[in-house]
PDB file of all heavy atoms in Angstrom:
ATOM      1  N   ILE A   1      16.898   1.883   5.616  1.00  0.00           N
ATOM      2  CA  ILE A   1      16.354   3.087   4.997  1.00  0.00           C
ATOM      3  C   ILE A   1      16.008   2.832   3.537  1.00  0.00           C
ATOM      4  O   ILE A   1      14.947   3.233   3.048  1.00  0.00           O
ATOM      5  CB  ILE A   1      17.351   4.254   5.138  1.00  0.00           C
ATOM      6  CG1 ILE A   1      17.508   4.643   6.608  1.00  0.00           C
ATOM      7  CG2 ILE A   1      16.910   5.451   4.304  1.00  0.00           C
ATOM      8  CD1 ILE A   1      18.592   5.661   6.871  1.00  0.00           C
ATOM      9  N   ARG A   2      16.901   2.129   2.818  1.00  0.00           N
ATOM     10  CA  ARG A   2      16.634   1.821   1.417  1.00  0.00           C
ATOM     11  C   ARG A   2      15.360   1.003   1.263  1.00  0.00           C
ATOM     12  O   ARG A   2      14.518   1.288   0.402  1.00  0.00           O
ATOM     13  CB  ARG A   2      17.820   1.057   0.800  1.00  0.00           C
ATOM     14  CG  ARG A   2      17.638   0.823  -0.712  1.00  0.00           C
ATOM     15  CD  ARG A   2      18.478  -0.337  -1.203  1.00  0.00           C
ATOM     16  NE  ARG A   2      18.017  -1.618  -0.668  1.00  0.00           N
ATOM     17  CZ  ARG A   2      16.955  -2.293  -1.110  1.00  0.00           C
ATOM     18  NH1 ARG A   2      16.206  -1.804  -2.085  1.00  0.00           N
ATOM     19  NH2 ARG A   2      16.616  -3.456  -0.570  1.00  0.00           N
ATOM     20  N   THR A   3      15.200  -0.019   2.103  1.00  0.00           N
ATOM     21  CA  THR A   3      14.028  -0.889   2.030  1.00  0.00           C
ATOM     22  C   THR A   3      12.743  -0.106   2.289  1.00  0.00           C
ATOM     23  O   THR A   3      11.724  -0.313   1.624  1.00  0.00           O
ATOM     24  CB  THR A   3      14.156  -2.041   3.034  1.00  0.00           C
ATOM     25  OG1 THR A   3      15.342  -2.798   2.739  1.00  0.00           O
ATOM     26  CG2 THR A   3      12.950  -2.959   2.968  1.00  0.00           C
ATOM     27  N   ALA A   4      12.783   0.809   3.263  1.00  0.00           N
ATOM     28  CA  ALA A   4      11.602   1.607   3.588  1.00  0.00           C
ATOM     29  C   ALA A   4      11.216   2.522   2.430  1.00  0.00           C
ATOM     30  O   ALA A   4      10.038   2.633   2.065  1.00  0.00           O
ATOM     31  CB  ALA A   4      11.860   2.433   4.851  1.00  0.00           C
ATOM     32  N   TRP A   5      12.223   3.165   1.821  1.00  0.00           N
ATOM     33  CA  TRP A   5      11.926   4.041   0.692  1.00  0.00           C
ATOM     34  C   TRP A   5      11.476   3.250  -0.529  1.00  0.00           C
ATOM     35  O   TRP A   5      10.621   3.696  -1.300  1.00  0.00           O
ATOM     36  CB  TRP A   5      13.142   4.900   0.348  1.00  0.00           C
ATOM     37  CG  TRP A   5      13.272   6.110   1.213  1.00  0.00           C
ATOM     38  CD1 TRP A   5      14.204   6.335   2.182  1.00  0.00           C
ATOM     39  CD2 TRP A   5      12.423   7.266   1.202  1.00  0.00           C
ATOM     40  NE1 TRP A   5      14.005   7.561   2.781  1.00  0.00           N
ATOM     41  CE2 TRP A   5      12.917   8.148   2.193  1.00  0.00           C
ATOM     42  CE3 TRP A   5      11.304   7.638   0.463  1.00  0.00           C
ATOM     43  CZ2 TRP A   5      12.319   9.379   2.445  1.00  0.00           C
ATOM     44  CZ3 TRP A   5      10.713   8.863   0.724  1.00  0.00           C
ATOM     45  CH2 TRP A   5      11.214   9.721   1.700  1.00  0.00           C
ATOM     46  N   ALA A   6      12.045   2.057  -0.717  1.00  0.00           N
ATOM     47  CA  ALA A   6      11.641   1.221  -1.847  1.00  0.00           C
ATOM     48  C   ALA A   6      10.165   0.865  -1.749  1.00  0.00           C
ATOM     49  O   ALA A   6       9.420   0.929  -2.738  1.00  0.00           O
ATOM     50  CB  ALA A   6      12.503  -0.047  -1.884  1.00  0.00           C
ATOM     51  N   ARG A   7       9.726   0.479  -0.558  1.00  0.00           N
ATOM     52  CA  ARG A   7       8.310   0.143  -0.361  1.00  0.00           C
ATOM     53  C   ARG A   7       7.433   1.367  -0.582  1.00  0.00           C
ATOM     54  O   ARG A   7       6.363   1.281  -1.196  1.00  0.00           O
ATOM     55  CB  ARG A   7       8.107  -0.433   1.037  1.00  0.00           C
ATOM     56  CG  ARG A   7       6.672  -0.884   1.310  1.00  0.00           C
ATOM     57  CD  ARG A   7       6.601  -1.733   2.572  1.00  0.00           C
ATOM     58  NE  ARG A   7       5.245  -2.210   2.796  1.00  0.00           N
ATOM     59  CZ  ARG A   7       4.439  -1.729   3.748  1.00  0.00           C
ATOM     60  NH1 ARG A   7       4.871  -0.782   4.570  1.00  0.00           N
ATOM     61  NH2 ARG A   7       3.223  -2.202   3.890  1.00  0.00           N
ATOM     62  N   HIS A   8       7.879   2.510  -0.076  1.00  0.00           N
ATOM     63  CA  HIS A   8       7.116   3.735  -0.265  1.00  0.00           C
ATOM     64  C   HIS A   8       6.976   4.062  -1.749  1.00  0.00           C
ATOM     65  O   HIS A   8       5.882   4.417  -2.214  1.00  0.00           O
ATOM     66  CB  HIS A   8       7.788   4.901   0.461  1.00  0.00           C
ATOM     67  CG  HIS A   8       7.133   6.226   0.206  1.00  0.00           C
ATOM     68  ND1 HIS A   8       7.575   7.089  -0.773  1.00  0.00           N
ATOM     69  CD2 HIS A   8       6.042   6.810   0.761  1.00  0.00           C
ATOM     70  CE1 HIS A   8       6.791   8.154  -0.784  1.00  0.00           C
ATOM     71  NE2 HIS A   8       5.855   8.016   0.126  1.00  0.00           N
ATOM     72  N   GLU A   9       8.062   3.941  -2.508  1.00  0.00           N
ATOM     73  CA  GLU A   9       7.994   4.223  -3.938  1.00  0.00           C
ATOM     74  C   GLU A   9       6.986   3.314  -4.636  1.00  0.00           C
ATOM     75  O   GLU A   9       6.183   3.776  -5.459  1.00  0.00           O
ATOM     76  CB  GLU A   9       9.378   4.038  -4.570  1.00  0.00           C
ATOM     77  CG  GLU A   9      10.366   5.126  -4.188  1.00  0.00           C
ATOM     78  CD  GLU A   9      11.768   4.812  -4.670  1.00  0.00           C
ATOM     79  OE1 GLU A   9      11.943   3.829  -5.425  1.00  0.00           O
ATOM     80  OE2 GLU A   9      12.696   5.538  -4.286  1.00  0.00           O
ATOM     81  N   ARG A  10       7.025   2.022  -4.309  1.00  0.00           N
ATOM     82  CA  ARG A  10       6.128   1.080  -4.981  1.00  0.00           C
ATOM     83  C   ARG A  10       4.674   1.358  -4.666  1.00  0.00           C
ATOM     84  O   ARG A  10       3.785   1.156  -5.521  1.00  0.00           O
ATOM     85  CB  ARG A  10       6.497  -0.353  -4.582  1.00  0.00           C
ATOM     86  CG  ARG A  10       7.851  -0.811  -5.123  1.00  0.00           C
ATOM     87  CD  ARG A  10       8.049  -2.302  -4.941  1.00  0.00           C
ATOM     88  NE  ARG A  10       8.060  -2.704  -3.542  1.00  0.00           N
ATOM     89  CZ  ARG A  10       9.158  -2.790  -2.785  1.00  0.00           C
ATOM     90  NH1 ARG A  10      10.343  -2.444  -3.297  1.00  0.00           N
ATOM     91  NH2 ARG A  10       9.092  -3.193  -1.537  1.00  0.00           N
ATOM     92  N   LEU A  11       4.377   1.818  -3.449  1.00  0.00           N
ATOM     93  CA  LEU A  11       2.997   2.115  -3.081  1.00  0.00           C
ATOM     94  C   LEU A  11       2.574   3.519  -3.519  1.00  0.00           C
ATOM     95  O   LEU A  11       1.381   3.810  -3.605  1.00  0.00           O
ATOM     96  CB  LEU A  11       2.808   1.958  -1.567  1.00  0.00           C
ATOM     97  CG  LEU A  11       2.935   0.526  -1.036  1.00  0.00           C
ATOM     98  CD1 LEU A  11       2.767   0.499   0.484  1.00  0.00           C
ATOM     99  CD2 LEU A  11       1.905  -0.389  -1.694  1.00  0.00           C
ATOM    100  N   ALA A  12       3.551   4.375  -3.778  1.00  0.00           N
ATOM    101  CA  ALA A  12       3.236   5.731  -4.226  1.00  0.00           C
ATOM    102  C   ALA A  12       2.846   5.756  -5.692  1.00  0.00           C
ATOM    103  O   ALA A  12       1.924   6.484  -6.090  1.00  0.00           O
ATOM    104  CB  ALA A  12       4.433   6.646  -3.986  1.00  0.00           C
ATOM    105  N   ALA A  13       3.535   4.954  -6.511  1.00  0.00           N
ATOM    106  CA  ALA A  13       3.261   4.975  -7.951  1.00  0.00           C
ATOM    107  C   ALA A  13       3.951   3.798  -8.616  1.00  0.00           C
ATOM    108  O   ALA A  13       4.984   3.323  -8.139  1.00  0.00           O
ATOM    109  CB  ALA A  13       3.764   6.278  -8.572  1.00  0.00           C
ATOM    110  N   SER A  14       3.395   3.367  -9.727  1.00  0.00           N
ATOM    111  CA  SER A  14       4.056   2.363 -10.560  1.00  0.00           C
ATOM    112  C   SER A  14       5.043   3.079 -11.476  1.00  0.00           C
ATOM    113  O   SER A  14       4.955   4.299 -11.682  1.00  0.00           O
ATOM    114  CB  SER A  14       3.026   1.605 -11.398  1.00  0.00           C
ATOM    115  OG  SER A  14       2.474   2.477 -12.376  1.00  0.00           O
ATOM    116  N   PRO A  15       5.994   2.352 -12.077  1.00  0.00           N
ATOM    117  CA  PRO A  15       6.892   3.001 -13.043  1.00  0.00           C
ATOM    118  C   PRO A  15       6.137   3.690 -14.179  1.00  0.00           C
ATOM    119  O   PRO A  15       6.559   4.749 -14.657  1.00  0.00           O
ATOM    120  CB  PRO A  15       7.750   1.834 -13.549  1.00  0.00           C
ATOM    121  CG  PRO A  15       7.764   0.863 -12.412  1.00  0.00           C
ATOM    122  CD  PRO A  15       6.387   0.951 -11.810  1.00  0.00           C
ATOM    123  N   GLY A  16       5.006   3.099 -14.601  1.00  0.00           N
ATOM    124  CA  GLY A  16       4.215   3.724 -15.651  1.00  0.00           C
ATOM    125  C   GLY A  16       3.637   5.063 -15.221  1.00  0.00           C
ATOM    126  O   GLY A  16       3.573   6.010 -16.010  1.00  0.00           O
ATOM    127  N   THR A  17       3.221   5.148 -13.969  1.00  0.00           N
ATOM    128  CA  THR A  17       2.701   6.417 -13.453  1.00  0.00           C
ATOM    129  C   THR A  17       3.808   7.452 -13.361  1.00  0.00           C
ATOM    130  O   THR A  17       3.602   8.629 -13.662  1.00  0.00           O
ATOM    131  CB  THR A  17       2.054   6.208 -12.076  1.00  0.00           C
ATOM    132  OG1 THR A  17       0.953   5.305 -12.207  1.00  0.00           O
ATOM    133  CG2 THR A  17       1.559   7.522 -11.494  1.00  0.00           C
ATOM    134  N   VAL A  18       4.989   7.024 -12.938  1.00  0.00           N
ATOM    135  CA  VAL A  18       6.139   7.927 -12.900  1.00  0.00           C
ATOM    136  C   VAL A  18       6.404   8.486 -14.296  1.00  0.00           C
ATOM    137  O   VAL A  18       6.624   9.690 -14.467  1.00  0.00           O
ATOM    138  CB  VAL A  18       7.392   7.209 -12.363  1.00  0.00           C
ATOM    139  CG1 VAL A  18       8.616   8.122 -12.436  1.00  0.00           C
ATOM    140  CG2 VAL A  18       7.174   6.756 -10.929  1.00  0.00           C
ATOM    141  N   ALA A  19       6.365   7.624 -15.298  1.00  0.00           N
ATOM    142  CA  ALA A  19       6.604   8.050 -16.672  1.00  0.00           C
ATOM    143  C   ALA A  19       5.541   9.034 -17.150  1.00  0.00           C
ATOM    144  O   ALA A  19       5.811   9.883 -18.005  1.00  0.00           O
ATOM    145  CB  ALA A  19       6.633   6.828 -17.590  1.00  0.00           C
ATOM    146  N   MET A  20       4.345   8.938 -16.601  1.00  0.00           N
ATOM    147  CA  MET A  20       3.235   9.791 -17.015  1.00  0.00           C
ATOM    148  C   MET A  20       3.249  11.139 -16.282  1.00  0.00           C
ATOM    149  O   MET A  20       2.986  12.187 -16.874  1.00  0.00           O
ATOM    150  CB  MET A  20       1.912   9.056 -16.734  1.00  0.00           C
ATOM    151  CG  MET A  20       0.679   9.728 -17.271  1.00  0.00           C
ATOM    152  SD  MET A  20      -0.778   8.638 -17.182  1.00  0.00           S
ATOM    153  CE  MET A  20      -0.818   8.207 -15.428  1.00  0.00           C
ATOM    154  N   VAL A  21       3.568  11.119 -14.985  1.00  0.00           N
ATOM    155  CA  VAL A  21       3.448  12.318 -14.147  1.00  0.00           C
ATOM    156  C   VAL A  21       4.723  13.154 -14.136  1.00  0.00           C
ATOM    157  O   VAL A  21       4.663  14.389 -14.201  1.00  0.00           O
ATOM    158  CB  VAL A  21       3.061  11.925 -12.711  1.00  0.00           C
ATOM    159  CG1 VAL A  21       3.084  13.142 -11.792  1.00  0.00           C
ATOM    160  CG2 VAL A  21       1.687  11.261 -12.686  1.00  0.00           C
ATOM    161  N   LEU A  22       5.875  12.516 -14.051  1.00  0.00           N
ATOM    162  CA  LEU A  22       7.111  13.260 -13.857  1.00  0.00           C
ATOM    163  C   LEU A  22       7.411  14.263 -14.968  1.00  0.00           C
ATOM    164  O   LEU A  22       7.848  15.385 -14.677  1.00  0.00           O
ATOM    165  CB  LEU A  22       8.282  12.286 -13.675  1.00  0.00           C
ATOM    166  CG  LEU A  22       9.596  12.873 -13.157  1.00  0.00           C
ATOM    167  CD1 LEU A  22       9.371  13.697 -11.903  1.00  0.00           C
ATOM    168  CD2 LEU A  22      10.609  11.758 -12.894  1.00  0.00           C
ATOM    169  N   PRO A  23       7.185  13.928 -16.243  1.00  0.00           N
ATOM    170  CA  PRO A  23       7.425  14.950 -17.277  1.00  0.00           C
ATOM    171  C   PRO A  23       6.578  16.202 -17.087  1.00  0.00           C
ATOM    172  O   PRO A  23       7.027  17.316 -17.380  1.00  0.00           O
ATOM    173  CB  PRO A  23       7.050  14.220 -18.580  1.00  0.00           C
ATOM    174  CG  PRO A  23       7.298  12.785 -18.284  1.00  0.00           C
ATOM    175  CD  PRO A  23       6.870  12.611 -16.852  1.00  0.00           C
ATOM    176  N   LEU A  24       5.359  16.039 -16.578  1.00  0.00           N
ATOM    177  CA  LEU A  24       4.519  17.210 -16.312  1.00  0.00           C
ATOM    178  C   LEU A  24       5.137  18.081 -15.231  1.00  0.00           C
ATOM    179  O   LEU A  24       5.122  19.311 -15.318  1.00  0.00           O
ATOM    180  CB  LEU A  24       3.117  16.765 -15.880  1.00  0.00           C
ATOM    181  CG  LEU A  24       2.257  16.058 -16.922  1.00  0.00           C
ATOM    182  CD1 LEU A  24       0.906  15.704 -16.317  1.00  0.00           C
ATOM    183  CD2 LEU A  24       2.070  16.930 -18.144  1.00  0.00           C
ATOM    184  N   VAL A  25       5.667  17.435 -14.193  1.00  0.00           N
ATOM    185  CA  VAL A  25       6.296  18.179 -13.103  1.00  0.00           C
ATOM    186  C   VAL A  25       7.490  18.972 -13.625  1.00  0.00           C
ATOM    187  O   VAL A  25       7.683  20.148 -13.277  1.00  0.00           O
ATOM    188  CB  VAL A  25       6.730  17.213 -11.981  1.00  0.00           C
ATOM    189  CG1 VAL A  25       7.493  17.957 -10.893  1.00  0.00           C
ATOM    190  CG2 VAL A  25       5.525  16.496 -11.388  1.00  0.00           C
ATOM    191  N   LEU A  26       8.306  18.344 -14.462  1.00  0.00           N
ATOM    192  CA  LEU A  26       9.516  18.989 -14.961  1.00  0.00           C
ATOM    193  C   LEU A  26       9.203  20.144 -15.916  1.00  0.00           C
ATOM    194  O   LEU A  26      10.001  21.076 -16.053  1.00  0.00           O
ATOM    195  CB  LEU A  26      10.405  17.961 -15.659  1.00  0.00           C
ATOM    196  CG  LEU A  26      10.935  16.829 -14.774  1.00  0.00           C
ATOM    197  CD1 LEU A  26      11.814  15.892 -15.582  1.00  0.00           C
ATOM    198  CD2 LEU A  26      11.707  17.377 -13.583  1.00  0.00           C
ATOM    199  N   LYS A  27       8.059  20.100 -16.586  1.00  0.00           N
ATOM    200  CA  LYS A  27       7.684  21.161 -17.522  1.00  0.00           C
ATOM    201  C   LYS A  27       7.004  22.339 -16.829  1.00  0.00           C
ATOM    202  O   LYS A  27       6.838  23.403 -17.430  1.00  0.00           O
ATOM    203  CB  LYS A  27       6.746  20.603 -18.600  1.00  0.00           C
ATOM    204  CG  LYS A  27       7.415  19.624 -19.549  1.00  0.00           C
ATOM    205  CD  LYS A  27       6.397  19.031 -20.520  1.00  0.00           C
ATOM    206  CE  LYS A  27       7.038  17.994 -21.427  1.00  0.00           C
ATOM    207  NZ  LYS A  27       6.041  17.347 -22.322  1.00  0.00           N
TER     208      LYS A  27
END
């Protein structure tokens, strides 16, 4: 399960994209 979610995370967004999008979601 961890491996499957890890791959999904990497294909969903890069860490830089997470840093860019997530603050908008939280606000």
